[in-house]
Amino acid sequence: MNRLVRAWTRPPGLWLVLIPFLAITALHYATPAHHDPHAGHPGHPLTSWSVLHDLYRRLYYVPILSAALLSGARGGIAAAALVTAAYL
C-alpha cells in the first residue's frame, strides 16, 4: 500500500490520479442534484444539471484508469474504491 501512495503522490500520479479525482468530486458535489420530471419531453428542454451529473459520473473513469496504468491492478482497485467512497 505504501508503494501505491508513493506512486500517486509523485508528479505523474499527482497529475493523473489525485488532481482529476479531486476536481471531478468538487464539480460533482457543486452541481445541484434536483431532477426535472418533465425534462426531455416535448416543449421542455433537457436540464443541464442531469447532463452534467452524467458527465461527471463518467469522468470518474479517468483517475481509475490512470491509477491502473501507473500502479497496475492494485492501483486501479484502490482508485475505484476511493471513487466509490466519494461518490456515495
Protein backbone atom coordinates (compact mmCIF):
# COMPACT_ATOMS: atom_id res chain seq x y z
CA MET A 1 0.00 0.00 0.00
CA ASN A 2 2.88 2.36 0.76
CA ARG A 3 4.13 1.92 -2.80
CA LEU A 4 0.68 2.93 -4.15
CA VAL A 5 0.67 6.09 -2.06
CA ARG A 6 4.16 6.99 -3.26
CA ALA A 7 3.19 6.35 -6.89
CA TRP A 8 0.15 8.62 -6.60
CA THR A 9 1.99 11.46 -4.85
CA ARG A 10 4.87 11.67 -7.29
CA PRO A 11 4.29 14.14 -10.17
CA PRO A 12 2.74 11.79 -12.77
CA GLY A 13 0.46 10.20 -10.18
CA LEU A 14 -0.47 13.53 -8.69
CA TRP A 15 -1.47 14.98 -12.05
CA LEU A 16 -3.11 11.87 -13.46
CA VAL A 17 -4.91 10.45 -10.42
CA LEU A 18 -5.36 12.78 -7.46
CA ILE A 19 -5.94 16.13 -9.17
CA PRO A 20 -8.61 14.80 -11.60
CA PHE A 21 -10.27 12.87 -8.77
CA LEU A 22 -10.45 15.95 -6.55
CA ALA A 23 -11.62 18.20 -9.40
CA ILE A 24 -14.36 15.81 -10.56
CA THR A 25 -15.53 15.28 -6.98
CA ALA A 26 -15.70 19.04 -6.36
CA LEU A 27 -17.67 19.59 -9.58
CA HIS A 28 -19.98 16.68 -8.83
CA TYR A 29 -20.89 17.94 -5.36
CA ALA A 30 -21.15 21.58 -6.52
CA THR A 31 -23.78 20.69 -9.14
CA PRO A 32 -27.41 20.77 -7.95
CA ALA A 33 -28.92 17.29 -7.78
CA HIS A 34 -32.56 18.13 -8.48
CA HIS A 35 -34.35 16.33 -11.26
CA ASP A 36 -36.99 17.86 -13.52
CA PRO A 37 -39.58 15.15 -14.28
CA HIS A 38 -40.58 16.95 -17.48
CA ALA A 39 -37.05 17.25 -18.87
CA GLY A 40 -36.64 15.84 -22.34
CA HIS A 41 -40.38 15.84 -23.10
CA PRO A 42 -41.70 17.93 -25.99
CA GLY A 43 -41.65 21.58 -25.05
CA HIS A 44 -39.25 21.06 -22.15
CA PRO A 45 -35.50 21.22 -22.77
CA LEU A 46 -33.20 18.64 -21.25
CA THR A 47 -31.88 20.06 -17.98
CA SER A 48 -28.19 20.77 -17.97
CA TRP A 49 -27.84 19.54 -14.38
CA SER A 50 -28.73 15.95 -15.22
CA VAL A 51 -26.39 16.03 -18.21
CA LEU A 52 -23.58 17.40 -16.06
CA HIS A 53 -24.11 14.76 -13.37
CA ASP A 54 -23.93 12.05 -16.02
CA LEU A 55 -20.76 13.59 -17.45
CA TYR A 56 -19.08 13.81 -14.03
CA ARG A 57 -20.03 10.21 -13.27
CA ARG A 58 -18.34 9.07 -16.45
CA LEU A 59 -15.30 11.29 -15.89
CA TYR A 60 -14.57 9.30 -12.72
CA TYR A 61 -13.18 6.61 -15.05
CA VAL A 62 -10.17 8.83 -15.87
CA PRO A 63 -8.46 8.65 -12.44
CA ILE A 64 -9.32 4.95 -12.12
CA LEU A 65 -7.71 4.12 -15.46
CA SER A 66 -4.75 6.38 -14.72
CA ALA A 67 -4.16 4.65 -11.40
CA ALA A 68 -4.39 1.25 -13.07
CA LEU A 69 -1.84 2.27 -15.68
CA LEU A 70 0.52 3.72 -13.08
CA SER A 71 0.21 1.05 -10.39
CA GLY A 72 -1.37 -1.98 -12.02
CA ALA A 73 -4.49 -3.79 -10.89
CA ARG A 74 -3.98 -2.87 -7.23
CA GLY A 75 -3.83 0.81 -8.13
CA GLY A 76 -6.97 0.58 -10.23
CA ILE A 77 -8.87 -1.24 -7.50
CA ALA A 78 -7.68 1.24 -4.86
CA ALA A 79 -8.74 4.19 -7.04
CA ALA A 80 -12.10 2.55 -7.74
CA ALA A 81 -12.64 2.10 -4.01
CA LEU A 82 -11.72 5.77 -3.42
CA VAL A 83 -14.10 6.94 -6.16
CA THR A 84 -16.87 4.71 -4.83
CA ALA A 85 -16.45 6.09 -1.32
CA ALA A 86 -16.52 9.67 -2.61
CA TYR A 87 -19.49 9.05 -4.89
CA LEU A 88 -21.66 7.56 -2.16
